Amino acid sequence: MTDKANDHTDRRDSERIPAEMWVEQSTSREVYFQRGSNLSTGGIYLEHTIPMPRGTEIRLVFTLPGEDEPLEVKGVIVNIGESVNELGMGVKFVDLPQAARLRIEAFILRTLDPSEA
């Protein structure tokens, strides 16, 4: 039997792929421009940034590579880099609209299998 509290395996529900893009991140009081480094239908990783506390709710606006229309989604900070060499934070999408999910899924398929384009 596995001790889930100490199980550090990947708990993502969906495939995460490399995807470099600029992301506008905002809270109720602040706006930042971050660099996303990977993406799934479940969330995004923002790299090279001083992380916000876990549980912080944020709004993200980003345009998928190769597209023109931006996506606007809500998220929550779920993990943070543990060292200076690992600055960044993982964001889990919250209440992801179906249209946004479908666009992200299509982007992932195109990236994994370019013949799907």
PDB file of N, CA and C in Angstrom:
ATOM      1  N   MET A   1       0.839  -1.178   0.000  1.00  0.00           N
ATOM      2  CA  MET A   1       0.000   0.000   0.000  1.00  0.00           C
ATOM      3  C   MET A   1       0.888   1.247   0.000  1.00  0.00           C
ATOM      4  N   THR A   2       0.538   2.222  -0.802  1.00  0.00           N
ATOM      5  CA  THR A   2       1.322   3.443  -0.933  1.00  0.00           C
ATOM      6  C   THR A   2       0.834   4.498   0.054  1.00  0.00           C
ATOM      7  N   ASP A   3       1.765   5.179   0.694  1.00  0.00           N
ATOM      8  CA  ASP A   3       1.437   6.291   1.581  1.00  0.00           C
ATOM      9  C   ASP A   3       1.253   7.527   0.711  1.00  0.00           C
ATOM     10  N   LYS A   4       0.001   7.917   0.439  1.00  0.00           N
ATOM     11  CA  LYS A   4      -0.282   9.008  -0.483  1.00  0.00           C
ATOM     12  C   LYS A   4       0.279  10.339  -0.008  1.00  0.00           C
ATOM     13  N   ALA A   5       0.388  10.536   1.290  1.00  0.00           N
ATOM     14  CA  ALA A   5       0.937  11.796   1.802  1.00  0.00           C
ATOM     15  C   ALA A   5       2.401  11.948   1.424  1.00  0.00           C
ATOM     16  N   ASN A   6       3.120  10.835   1.269  1.00  0.00           N
ATOM     17  CA  ASN A   6       4.533  10.893   0.925  1.00  0.00           C
ATOM     18  C   ASN A   6       4.804  10.495  -0.515  1.00  0.00           C
ATOM     19  N   ASP A   7       3.773  10.283  -1.292  1.00  0.00           N
ATOM     20  CA  ASP A   7       3.928   9.888  -2.683  1.00  0.00           C
ATOM     21  C   ASP A   7       4.155  11.136  -3.529  1.00  0.00           C
ATOM     22  N   HIS A   8       5.353  11.270  -4.069  1.00  0.00           N
ATOM     23  CA  HIS A   8       5.706  12.459  -4.840  1.00  0.00           C
ATOM     24  C   HIS A   8       5.639  12.212  -6.340  1.00  0.00           C
ATOM     25  N   THR A   9       4.882  11.216  -6.774  1.00  0.00           N
ATOM     26  CA  THR A   9       4.762  10.958  -8.198  1.00  0.00           C
ATOM     27  C   THR A   9       3.920  12.042  -8.843  1.00  0.00           C
ATOM     28  N   ASP A  10       3.996  12.114 -10.152  1.00  0.00           N
ATOM     29  CA  ASP A  10       3.247  13.093 -10.915  1.00  0.00           C
ATOM     30  C   ASP A  10       1.752  12.793 -10.805  1.00  0.00           C
ATOM     31  N   ARG A  11       0.960  13.761 -10.330  1.00  0.00           N
ATOM     32  CA  ARG A  11      -0.465  13.551 -10.131  1.00  0.00           C
ATOM     33  C   ARG A  11      -1.296  14.280 -11.172  1.00  0.00           C
ATOM     34  N   ARG A  12      -0.709  14.657 -12.275  1.00  0.00           N
ATOM     35  CA  ARG A  12      -1.459  15.374 -13.298  1.00  0.00           C
ATOM     36  C   ARG A  12      -2.475  14.460 -13.958  1.00  0.00           C
ATOM     37  N   ASP A  13      -3.599  15.051 -14.331  1.00  0.00           N
ATOM     38  CA  ASP A  13      -4.659  14.301 -14.985  1.00  0.00           C
ATOM     39  C   ASP A  13      -4.534  14.323 -16.505  1.00  0.00           C
ATOM     40  N   SER A  14      -3.664  15.163 -17.038  1.00  0.00           N
ATOM     41  CA  SER A  14      -3.581  15.297 -18.487  1.00  0.00           C
ATOM     42  C   SER A  14      -2.132  15.472 -18.932  1.00  0.00           C
ATOM     43  N   GLU A  15      -1.904  15.203 -20.203  1.00  0.00           N
ATOM     44  CA  GLU A  15      -0.580  15.288 -20.808  1.00  0.00           C
ATOM     45  C   GLU A  15      -0.063  16.720 -20.759  1.00  0.00           C
ATOM     46  N   ARG A  16       1.175  16.893 -20.318  1.00  0.00           N
ATOM     47  CA  ARG A  16       1.809  18.211 -20.265  1.00  0.00           C
ATOM     48  C   ARG A  16       2.883  18.250 -21.344  1.00  0.00           C
ATOM     49  N   ILE A  17       2.854  19.310 -22.144  1.00  0.00           N
ATOM     50  CA  ILE A  17       3.815  19.430 -23.239  1.00  0.00           C
ATOM     51  C   ILE A  17       4.578  20.746 -23.122  1.00  0.00           C
ATOM     52  N   PRO A  18       5.786  20.789 -23.698  1.00  0.00           N
ATOM     53  CA  PRO A  18       6.510  22.060 -23.737  1.00  0.00           C
ATOM     54  C   PRO A  18       5.737  23.062 -24.593  1.00  0.00           C
ATOM     55  N   ALA A  19       5.618  24.274 -24.113  1.00  0.00           N
ATOM     56  CA  ALA A  19       4.920  25.319 -24.863  1.00  0.00           C
ATOM     57  C   ALA A  19       5.391  26.661 -24.328  1.00  0.00           C
ATOM     58  N   GLU A  20       6.259  27.313 -25.070  1.00  0.00           N
ATOM     59  CA  GLU A  20       6.771  28.609 -24.635  1.00  0.00           C
ATOM     60  C   GLU A  20       5.868  29.718 -25.139  1.00  0.00           C
ATOM     61  N   MET A  21       5.412  30.555 -24.206  1.00  0.00           N
ATOM     62  CA  MET A  21       4.542  31.673 -24.564  1.00  0.00           C
ATOM     63  C   MET A  21       4.542  32.688 -23.437  1.00  0.00           C
ATOM     64  N   TRP A  22       4.194  33.911 -23.763  1.00  0.00           N
ATOM     65  CA  TRP A  22       4.036  34.938 -22.748  1.00  0.00           C
ATOM     66  C   TRP A  22       2.639  34.837 -22.170  1.00  0.00           C
ATOM     67  N   VAL A  23       2.553  35.015 -20.863  1.00  0.00           N
ATOM     68  CA  VAL A  23       1.291  34.899 -20.142  1.00  0.00           C
ATOM     69  C   VAL A  23       1.103  36.139 -19.283  1.00  0.00           C
ATOM     70  N   GLU A  24      -0.051  36.778 -19.422  1.00  0.00           N
ATOM     71  CA  GLU A  24      -0.404  37.877 -18.519  1.00  0.00           C
ATOM     72  C   GLU A  24      -1.074  37.247 -17.310  1.00  0.00           C
ATOM     73  N   GLN A  25      -0.498  37.479 -16.161  1.00  0.00           N
ATOM     74  CA  GLN A  25      -1.015  36.918 -14.911  1.00  0.00           C
ATOM     75  C   GLN A  25      -1.477  38.063 -14.035  1.00  0.00           C
ATOM     76  N   SER A  26      -2.689  37.979 -13.510  1.00  0.00           N
ATOM     77  CA  SER A  26      -3.151  39.058 -12.647  1.00  0.00           C
ATOM     78  C   SER A  26      -3.900  38.504 -11.436  1.00  0.00           C
ATOM     79  N   THR A  27      -3.812  39.272 -10.368  1.00  0.00           N
ATOM     80  CA  THR A  27      -4.599  39.022  -9.164  1.00  0.00           C
ATOM     81  C   THR A  27      -5.560  40.198  -9.054  1.00  0.00           C
ATOM     82  N   SER A  28      -6.253  40.285  -7.957  1.00  0.00           N
ATOM     83  CA  SER A  28      -7.179  41.416  -7.788  1.00  0.00           C
ATOM     84  C   SER A  28      -6.443  42.751  -7.697  1.00  0.00           C
ATOM     85  N   ARG A  29      -5.122  42.717  -7.438  1.00  0.00           N
ATOM     86  CA  ARG A  29      -4.375  43.968  -7.248  1.00  0.00           C
ATOM     87  C   ARG A  29      -3.185  44.165  -8.174  1.00  0.00           C
ATOM     88  N   GLU A  30      -2.708  43.103  -8.829  1.00  0.00           N
ATOM     89  CA  GLU A  30      -1.449  43.211  -9.561  1.00  0.00           C
ATOM     90  C   GLU A  30      -1.537  42.516 -10.914  1.00  0.00           C
ATOM     91  N   VAL A  31      -0.691  42.986 -11.851  1.00  0.00           N
ATOM     92  CA  VAL A  31      -0.572  42.360 -13.161  1.00  0.00           C
ATOM     93  C   VAL A  31       0.904  42.086 -13.420  1.00  0.00           C
ATOM     94  N   TYR A  32       1.213  40.877 -13.896  1.00  0.00           N
ATOM     95  CA  TYR A  32       2.575  40.483 -14.221  1.00  0.00           C
ATOM     96  C   TYR A  32       2.583  39.853 -15.603  1.00  0.00           C
ATOM     97  N   PHE A  33       3.720  39.902 -16.260  1.00  0.00           N
ATOM     98  CA  PHE A  33       3.908  39.177 -17.509  1.00  0.00           C
ATOM     99  C   PHE A  33       4.934  38.093 -17.242  1.00  0.00           C
ATOM    100  N   GLN A  34       4.517  36.850 -17.438  1.00  0.00           N
ATOM    101  CA  GLN A  34       5.329  35.684 -17.126  1.00  0.00           C
ATOM    102  C   GLN A  34       5.586  34.893 -18.411  1.00  0.00           C
ATOM    103  N   ARG A  35       6.498  33.966 -18.289  1.00  0.00           N
ATOM    104  CA  ARG A  35       6.791  33.076 -19.413  1.00  0.00           C
ATOM    105  C   ARG A  35       6.309  31.677 -19.063  1.00  0.00           C
ATOM    106  N   GLY A  36       5.374  31.173 -19.857  1.00  0.00           N
ATOM    107  CA  GLY A  36       4.913  29.807 -19.682  1.00  0.00           C
ATOM    108  C   GLY A  36       5.880  28.858 -20.354  1.00  0.00           C
ATOM    109  N   SER A  37       6.140  27.706 -19.720  1.00  0.00           N
ATOM    110  CA  SER A  37       7.084  26.766 -20.317  1.00  0.00           C
ATOM    111  C   SER A  37       6.466  25.428 -20.668  1.00  0.00           C
ATOM    112  N   ASN A  38       5.346  25.083 -20.043  1.00  0.00           N
ATOM    113  CA  ASN A  38       4.642  23.883 -20.459  1.00  0.00           C
ATOM    114  C   ASN A  38       3.171  24.010 -20.105  1.00  0.00           C
ATOM    115  N   LEU A  39       2.362  23.193 -20.769  1.00  0.00           N
ATOM    116  CA  LEU A  39       0.928  23.380 -20.727  1.00  0.00           C
ATOM    117  C   LEU A  39       0.213  22.038 -20.802  1.00  0.00           C
ATOM    118  N   SER A  40      -0.924  21.952 -20.149  1.00  0.00           N
ATOM    119  CA  SER A  40      -1.835  20.817 -20.296  1.00  0.00           C
ATOM    120  C   SER A  40      -3.249  21.367 -20.175  1.00  0.00           C
ATOM    121  N   THR A  41      -4.235  20.511 -20.347  1.00  0.00           N
ATOM    122  CA  THR A  41      -5.606  20.981 -20.137  1.00  0.00           C
ATOM    123  C   THR A  41      -5.866  21.234 -18.659  1.00  0.00           C
ATOM    124  N   GLY A  42      -4.976  20.757 -17.812  1.00  0.00           N
ATOM    125  CA  GLY A  42      -5.133  20.952 -16.372  1.00  0.00           C
ATOM    126  C   GLY A  42      -4.438  22.175 -15.824  1.00  0.00           C
ATOM    127  N   GLY A  43      -3.419  22.702 -16.560  1.00  0.00           N
ATOM    128  CA  GLY A  43      -2.707  23.849 -16.029  1.00  0.00           C
ATOM    129  C   GLY A  43      -1.500  24.243 -16.860  1.00  0.00           C
ATOM    130  N   ILE A  44      -0.716  25.134 -16.287  1.00  0.00           N
ATOM    131  CA  ILE A  44       0.453  25.693 -16.974  1.00  0.00           C
ATOM    132  C   ILE A  44       1.547  25.922 -15.935  1.00  0.00           C
ATOM    133  N   TYR A  45       2.804  25.847 -16.380  1.00  0.00           N
ATOM    134  CA  TYR A  45       3.927  26.176 -15.504  1.00  0.00           C
ATOM    135  C   TYR A  45       4.513  27.495 -15.948  1.00  0.00           C
ATOM    136  N   LEU A  46       4.636  28.435 -15.014  1.00  0.00           N
ATOM    137  CA  LEU A  46       5.242  29.736 -15.275  1.00  0.00           C
ATOM    138  C   LEU A  46       6.649  29.707 -14.711  1.00  0.00           C
ATOM    139  N   GLU A  47       7.629  29.855 -15.587  1.00  0.00           N
ATOM    140  CA  GLU A  47       9.014  29.676 -15.160  1.00  0.00           C
ATOM    141  C   GLU A  47       9.727  30.996 -14.937  1.00  0.00           C
ATOM    142  N   HIS A  48      10.869  30.897 -14.245  1.00  0.00           N
ATOM    143  CA  HIS A  48      11.750  32.036 -13.983  1.00  0.00           C
ATOM    144  C   HIS A  48      11.009  33.205 -13.344  1.00  0.00           C
ATOM    145  N   THR A  49      10.175  32.906 -12.368  1.00  0.00           N
ATOM    146  CA  THR A  49       9.441  33.956 -11.681  1.00  0.00           C
ATOM    147  C   THR A  49       9.433  33.676 -10.178  1.00  0.00           C
ATOM    148  N   ILE A  50       9.425  34.722  -9.411  1.00  0.00           N
ATOM    149  CA  ILE A  50       9.297  34.544  -7.962  1.00  0.00           C
ATOM    150  C   ILE A  50       7.869  34.092  -7.707  1.00  0.00           C
ATOM    151  N   PRO A  51       7.708  32.924  -7.120  1.00  0.00           N
ATOM    152  CA  PRO A  51       6.357  32.373  -6.982  1.00  0.00           C
ATOM    153  C   PRO A  51       5.501  33.094  -5.948  1.00  0.00           C
ATOM    154  N   MET A  52       4.218  33.062  -6.203  1.00  0.00           N
ATOM    155  CA  MET A  52       3.233  33.550  -5.245  1.00  0.00           C
ATOM    156  C   MET A  52       2.907  32.384  -4.307  1.00  0.00           C
ATOM    157  N   PRO A  53       2.295  32.649  -3.188  1.00  0.00           N
ATOM    158  CA  PRO A  53       1.968  31.563  -2.260  1.00  0.00           C
ATOM    159  C   PRO A  53       0.992  30.550  -2.869  1.00  0.00           C
ATOM    160  N   ARG A  54       1.159  29.283  -2.480  1.00  0.00           N
ATOM    161  CA  ARG A  54       0.196  28.258  -2.892  1.00  0.00           C
ATOM    162  C   ARG A  54      -1.202  28.700  -2.491  1.00  0.00           C
ATOM    163  N   GLY A  55      -2.163  28.418  -3.346  1.00  0.00           N
ATOM    164  CA  GLY A  55      -3.551  28.773  -3.059  1.00  0.00           C
ATOM    165  C   GLY A  55      -3.958  30.133  -3.592  1.00  0.00           C
ATOM    166  N   THR A  56      -3.001  30.930  -4.084  1.00  0.00           N
ATOM    167  CA  THR A  56      -3.340  32.240  -4.635  1.00  0.00           C
ATOM    168  C   THR A  56      -4.150  32.055  -5.911  1.00  0.00           C
ATOM    169  N   GLU A  57      -5.288  32.722  -5.990  1.00  0.00           N
ATOM    170  CA  GLU A  57      -6.127  32.664  -7.180  1.00  0.00           C
ATOM    171  C   GLU A  57      -5.677  33.747  -8.148  1.00  0.00           C
ATOM    172  N   ILE A  58      -5.555  33.365  -9.420  1.00  0.00           N
ATOM    173  CA  ILE A  58      -5.072  34.304 -10.436  1.00  0.00           C
ATOM    174  C   ILE A  58      -5.923  34.185 -11.701  1.00  0.00           C
ATOM    175  N   ARG A  59      -5.774  35.171 -12.555  1.00  0.00           N
ATOM    176  CA  ARG A  59      -6.391  35.179 -13.880  1.00  0.00           C
ATOM    177  C   ARG A  59      -5.247  35.172 -14.877  1.00  0.00           C
ATOM    178  N   LEU A  60      -5.371  34.359 -15.917  1.00  0.00           N
ATOM    179  CA  LEU A  60      -4.340  34.260 -16.942  1.00  0.00           C
ATOM    180  C   LEU A  60      -4.913  34.590 -18.306  1.00  0.00           C
ATOM    181  N   VAL A  61      -4.134  35.293 -19.097  1.00  0.00           N
ATOM    182  CA  VAL A  61      -4.481  35.548 -20.490  1.00  0.00           C
ATOM    183  C   VAL A  61      -3.254  35.168 -21.302  1.00  0.00           C
ATOM    184  N   PHE A  62      -3.443  34.281 -22.285  1.00  0.00           N
ATOM    185  CA  PHE A  62      -2.333  33.870 -23.142  1.00  0.00           C
ATOM    186  C   PHE A  62      -2.859  33.429 -24.494  1.00  0.00           C
ATOM    187  N   THR A  63      -1.966  33.480 -25.462  1.00  0.00           N
ATOM    188  CA  THR A  63      -2.308  33.042 -26.809  1.00  0.00           C
ATOM    189  C   THR A  63      -1.478  31.806 -27.118  1.00  0.00           C
ATOM    190  N   LEU A  64      -2.155  30.745 -27.495  1.00  0.00           N
ATOM    191  CA  LEU A  64      -1.451  29.515 -27.839  1.00  0.00           C
ATOM    192  C   LEU A  64      -0.575  29.745 -29.054  1.00  0.00           C
ATOM    193  N   PRO A  65       0.622  29.166 -29.089  1.00  0.00           N
ATOM    194  CA  PRO A  65       1.490  29.315 -30.258  1.00  0.00           C
ATOM    195  C   PRO A  65       0.749  28.910 -31.535  1.00  0.00           C
ATOM    196  N   GLY A  66       0.845  29.775 -32.552  1.00  0.00           N
ATOM    197  CA  GLY A  66       0.198  29.508 -33.832  1.00  0.00           C
ATOM    198  C   GLY A  66      -1.239  29.987 -33.916  1.00  0.00           C
ATOM    199  N   GLU A  67      -1.768  30.565 -32.836  1.00  0.00           N
ATOM    200  CA  GLU A  67      -3.138  31.081 -32.842  1.00  0.00           C
ATOM    201  C   GLU A  67      -3.123  32.595 -32.690  1.00  0.00           C
ATOM    202  N   ASP A  68      -4.261  33.219 -32.975  1.00  0.00           N
ATOM    203  CA  ASP A  68      -4.380  34.670 -32.875  1.00  0.00           C
ATOM    204  C   ASP A  68      -5.238  35.132 -31.700  1.00  0.00           C
ATOM    205  N   GLU A  69      -6.226  34.334 -31.326  1.00  0.00           N
ATOM    206  CA  GLU A  69      -7.157  34.707 -30.269  1.00  0.00           C
ATOM    207  C   GLU A  69      -6.634  34.287 -28.897  1.00  0.00           C
ATOM    208  N   PRO A  70      -6.562  35.219 -27.949  1.00  0.00           N
ATOM    209  CA  PRO A  70      -6.100  34.850 -26.608  1.00  0.00           C
ATOM    210  C   PRO A  70      -7.153  34.043 -25.845  1.00  0.00           C
ATOM    211  N   LEU A  71      -6.659  33.247 -24.915  1.00  0.00           N
ATOM    212  CA  LEU A  71      -7.500  32.527 -23.965  1.00  0.00           C
ATOM    213  C   LEU A  71      -7.459  33.276 -22.650  1.00  0.00           C
ATOM    214  N   GLU A  72      -8.575  33.327 -21.951  1.00  0.00           N
ATOM    215  CA  GLU A  72      -8.615  33.910 -20.617  1.00  0.00           C
ATOM    216  C   GLU A  72      -9.155  32.838 -19.684  1.00  0.00           C
ATOM    217  N   VAL A  73      -8.351  32.494 -18.669  1.00  0.00           N
ATOM    218  CA  VAL A  73      -8.723  31.420 -17.751  1.00  0.00           C
ATOM    219  C   VAL A  73      -8.423  31.817 -16.314  1.00  0.00           C
ATOM    220  N   LYS A  74      -9.063  31.117 -15.394  1.00  0.00           N
ATOM    221  CA  LYS A  74      -8.781  31.298 -13.969  1.00  0.00           C
ATOM    222  C   LYS A  74      -7.901  30.153 -13.506  1.00  0.00           C
ATOM    223  N   GLY A  75      -7.074  30.421 -12.516  1.00  0.00           N
ATOM    224  CA  GLY A  75      -6.209  29.383 -11.993  1.00  0.00           C
ATOM    225  C   GLY A  75      -5.889  29.609 -10.534  1.00  0.00           C
ATOM    226  N   VAL A  76      -5.223  28.612  -9.965  1.00  0.00           N
ATOM    227  CA  VAL A  76      -4.769  28.691  -8.582  1.00  0.00           C
ATOM    228  C   VAL A  76      -3.349  28.131  -8.530  1.00  0.00           C
ATOM    229  N   ILE A  77      -2.472  28.775  -7.754  1.00  0.00           N
ATOM    230  CA  ILE A  77      -1.098  28.311  -7.615  1.00  0.00           C
ATOM    231  C   ILE A  77      -1.120  27.014  -6.806  1.00  0.00           C
ATOM    232  N   VAL A  78      -0.556  25.935  -7.390  1.00  0.00           N
ATOM    233  CA  VAL A  78      -0.573  24.641  -6.694  1.00  0.00           C
ATOM    234  C   VAL A  78       0.805  24.143  -6.306  1.00  0.00           C
ATOM    235  N   ASN A  79       1.851  24.613  -6.977  1.00  0.00           N
ATOM    236  CA  ASN A  79       3.201  24.246  -6.540  1.00  0.00           C
ATOM    237  C   ASN A  79       4.169  25.350  -6.904  1.00  0.00           C
ATOM    238  N   ILE A  80       5.263  25.370  -6.177  1.00  0.00           N
ATOM    239  CA  ILE A  80       6.259  26.414  -6.392  1.00  0.00           C
ATOM    240  C   ILE A  80       7.645  25.788  -6.420  1.00  0.00           C
ATOM    241  N   GLY A  81       8.568  26.456  -7.127  1.00  0.00           N
ATOM    242  CA  GLY A  81       9.953  26.013  -7.134  1.00  0.00           C
ATOM    243  C   GLY A  81      10.512  26.060  -5.723  1.00  0.00           C
ATOM    244  N   GLU A  82      11.319  25.090  -5.402  1.00  0.00           N
ATOM    245  CA  GLU A  82      11.833  24.971  -4.032  1.00  0.00           C
ATOM    246  C   GLU A  82      13.211  25.585  -3.832  1.00  0.00           C
ATOM    247  N   SER A  83      13.829  26.092  -4.909  1.00  0.00           N
ATOM    248  CA  SER A  83      15.164  26.667  -4.747  1.00  0.00           C
ATOM    249  C   SER A  83      15.333  27.850  -5.689  1.00  0.00           C
ATOM    250  N   VAL A  84      16.411  28.596  -5.489  1.00  0.00           N
ATOM    251  CA  VAL A  84      16.709  29.740  -6.349  1.00  0.00           C
ATOM    252  C   VAL A  84      16.903  29.286  -7.791  1.00  0.00           C
ATOM    253  N   ASN A  85      17.439  28.081  -7.976  1.00  0.00           N
ATOM    254  CA  ASN A  85      17.669  27.557  -9.326  1.00  0.00           C
ATOM    255  C   ASN A  85      16.388  27.063  -9.989  1.00  0.00           C
ATOM    256  N   GLU A  86      15.305  27.036  -9.236  1.00  0.00           N
ATOM    257  CA  GLU A  86      14.063  26.455  -9.721  1.00  0.00           C
ATOM    258  C   GLU A  86      12.898  27.434  -9.536  1.00  0.00           C
ATOM    259  N   LEU A  87      13.137  28.730  -9.772  1.00  0.00           N
ATOM    260  CA  LEU A  87      12.081  29.708  -9.595  1.00  0.00           C
ATOM    261  C   LEU A  87      10.964  29.469 -10.601  1.00  0.00           C
ATOM    262  N   GLY A  88       9.755  29.451 -10.139  1.00  0.00           N
ATOM    263  CA  GLY A  88       8.597  29.259 -10.989  1.00  0.00           C
ATOM    264  C   GLY A  88       7.430  28.756 -10.161  1.00  0.00           C
ATOM    265  N   MET A  89       6.293  28.574 -10.852  1.00  0.00           N
ATOM    266  CA  MET A  89       5.116  28.080 -10.147  1.00  0.00           C
ATOM    267  C   MET A  89       4.180  27.363 -11.094  1.00  0.00           C
ATOM    268  N   GLY A  90       3.561  26.328 -10.566  1.00  0.00           N
ATOM    269  CA  GLY A  90       2.575  25.570 -11.305  1.00  0.00           C
ATOM    270  C   GLY A  90       1.192  26.111 -11.018  1.00  0.00           C
ATOM    271  N   VAL A  91       0.412  26.291 -12.071  1.00  0.00           N
ATOM    272  CA  VAL A  91      -0.934  26.831 -11.959  1.00  0.00           C
ATOM    273  C   VAL A  91      -1.921  25.775 -12.434  1.00  0.00           C
ATOM    274  N   LYS A  92      -2.917  25.496 -11.619  1.00  0.00           N
ATOM    275  CA  LYS A  92      -3.990  24.583 -11.998  1.00  0.00           C
ATOM    276  C   LYS A  92      -5.159  25.424 -12.479  1.00  0.00           C
ATOM    277  N   PHE A  93      -5.672  25.098 -13.677  1.00  0.00           N
ATOM    278  CA  PHE A  93      -6.826  25.820 -14.184  1.00  0.00           C
ATOM    279  C   PHE A  93      -8.045  25.488 -13.327  1.00  0.00           C
ATOM    280  N   VAL A  94      -8.876  26.499 -13.099  1.00  0.00           N
ATOM    281  CA  VAL A  94     -10.092  26.357 -12.308  1.00  0.00           C
ATOM    282  C   VAL A  94     -11.278  26.762 -13.185  1.00  0.00           C
ATOM    283  N   ASP A  95     -12.310  25.934 -13.205  1.00  0.00           N
ATOM    284  CA  ASP A  95     -13.512  26.242 -13.996  1.00  0.00           C
ATOM    285  C   ASP A  95     -13.158  26.563 -15.445  1.00  0.00           C
ATOM    286  N   LEU A  96     -12.305  25.733 -16.043  1.00  0.00           N
ATOM    287  CA  LEU A  96     -11.870  25.959 -17.423  1.00  0.00           C
ATOM    288  C   LEU A  96     -13.063  25.849 -18.362  1.00  0.00           C
ATOM    289  N   PRO A  97     -13.369  26.913 -19.106  1.00  0.00           N
ATOM    290  CA  PRO A  97     -14.481  26.848 -20.050  1.00  0.00           C
ATOM    291  C   PRO A  97     -14.249  25.752 -21.102  1.00  0.00           C
ATOM    292  N   GLN A  98     -15.318  25.114 -21.531  1.00  0.00           N
ATOM    293  CA  GLN A  98     -15.219  24.024 -22.504  1.00  0.00           C
ATOM    294  C   GLN A  98     -14.506  24.476 -23.779  1.00  0.00           C
ATOM    295  N   ALA A  99     -14.808  25.674 -24.259  1.00  0.00           N
ATOM    296  CA  ALA A  99     -14.164  26.171 -25.478  1.00  0.00           C
ATOM    297  C   ALA A  99     -12.651  26.279 -25.293  1.00  0.00           C
ATOM    298  N   ALA A 100     -12.204  26.742 -24.122  1.00  0.00           N
ATOM    299  CA  ALA A 100     -10.768  26.848 -23.845  1.00  0.00           C
ATOM    300  C   ALA A 100     -10.148  25.458 -23.763  1.00  0.00           C
ATOM    301  N   ARG A 101     -10.829  24.531 -23.097  1.00  0.00           N
ATOM    302  CA  ARG A 101     -10.322  23.150 -22.999  1.00  0.00           C
ATOM    303  C   ARG A 101     -10.142  22.546 -24.397  1.00  0.00           C
ATOM    304  N   LEU A 102     -11.125  22.736 -25.260  1.00  0.00           N
ATOM    305  CA  LEU A 102     -11.040  22.180 -26.612  1.00  0.00           C
ATOM    306  C   LEU A 102      -9.887  22.789 -27.400  1.00  0.00           C
ATOM    307  N   ARG A 103      -9.661  24.087 -27.256  1.00  0.00           N
ATOM    308  CA  ARG A 103      -8.538  24.728 -27.945  1.00  0.00           C
ATOM    309  C   ARG A 103      -7.202  24.209 -27.437  1.00  0.00           C
ATOM    310  N   ILE A 104      -7.083  24.043 -26.115  1.00  0.00           N
ATOM    311  CA  ILE A 104      -5.834  23.528 -25.548  1.00  0.00           C
ATOM    312  C   ILE A 104      -5.619  22.085 -26.001  1.00  0.00           C
ATOM    313  N   GLU A 105      -6.665  21.261 -25.967  1.00  0.00           N
ATOM    314  CA  GLU A 105      -6.558  19.871 -26.426  1.00  0.00           C
ATOM    315  C   GLU A 105      -6.122  19.808 -27.885  1.00  0.00           C
ATOM    316  N   ALA A 106      -6.709  20.658 -28.733  1.00  0.00           N
ATOM    317  CA  ALA A 106      -6.334  20.679 -30.157  1.00  0.00           C
ATOM    318  C   ALA A 106      -4.874  21.101 -30.320  1.00  0.00           C
ATOM    319  N   PHE A 107      -4.432  22.086 -29.538  1.00  0.00           N
ATOM    320  CA  PHE A 107      -3.040  22.522 -29.597  1.00  0.00           C
ATOM    321  C   PHE A 107      -2.102  21.379 -29.199  1.00  0.00           C
ATOM    322  N   ILE A 108      -2.445  20.668 -28.134  1.00  0.00           N
ATOM    323  CA  ILE A 108      -1.616  19.549 -27.683  1.00  0.00           C
ATOM    324  C   ILE A 108      -1.542  18.473 -28.767  1.00  0.00           C
ATOM    325  N   LEU A 109      -2.667  18.147 -29.373  1.00  0.00           N
ATOM    326  CA  LEU A 109      -2.673  17.148 -30.457  1.00  0.00           C
ATOM    327  C   LEU A 109      -1.802  17.593 -31.626  1.00  0.00           C
ATOM    328  N   ARG A 110      -1.922  18.879 -32.004  1.00  0.00           N
ATOM    329  CA  ARG A 110      -1.097  19.396 -33.113  1.00  0.00           C
ATOM    330  C   ARG A 110       0.376  19.328 -32.766  1.00  0.00           C
ATOM    331  N   THR A 111       0.713  19.589 -31.512  1.00  0.00           N
ATOM    332  CA  THR A 111       2.105  19.593 -31.091  1.00  0.00           C
ATOM    333  C   THR A 111       2.672  18.172 -31.048  1.00  0.00           C
ATOM    334  N   LEU A 112       1.866  17.244 -30.511  1.00  0.00           N
ATOM    335  CA  LEU A 112       2.317  15.854 -30.399  1.00  0.00           C
ATOM    336  C   LEU A 112       2.338  15.134 -31.743  1.00  0.00           C
ATOM    337  N   ASP A 113       1.401  15.503 -32.618  1.00  0.00           N
ATOM    338  CA  ASP A 113       1.290  14.857 -33.921  1.00  0.00           C
ATOM    339  C   ASP A 113       1.028  15.921 -34.974  1.00  0.00           C
ATOM    340  N   PRO A 114       2.086  16.501 -35.566  1.00  0.00           N
ATOM    341  CA  PRO A 114       1.914  17.579 -36.530  1.00  0.00           C
ATOM    342  C   PRO A 114       1.014  17.217 -37.718  1.00  0.00           C
ATOM    343  N   SER A 115       0.798  15.936 -37.988  1.00  0.00           N
ATOM    344  CA  SER A 115      -0.089  15.562 -39.083  1.00  0.00           C
ATOM    345  C   SER A 115      -1.540  15.880 -38.742  1.00  0.00           C
ATOM    346  N   GLU A 116      -1.838  16.187 -37.459  1.00  0.00           N
ATOM    347  CA  GLU A 116      -3.189  16.560 -37.045  1.00  0.00           C
ATOM    348  C   GLU A 116      -3.518  18.018 -37.385  1.00  0.00           C
ATOM    349  N   ALA A 117      -2.501  18.771 -37.811  1.00  0.00           N
ATOM    350  CA  ALA A 117      -2.703  20.200 -38.097  1.00  0.00           C
ATOM    351  C   ALA A 117      -3.573  20.427 -39.300  1.00  0.00           C
TER     352      ALA A 117
END
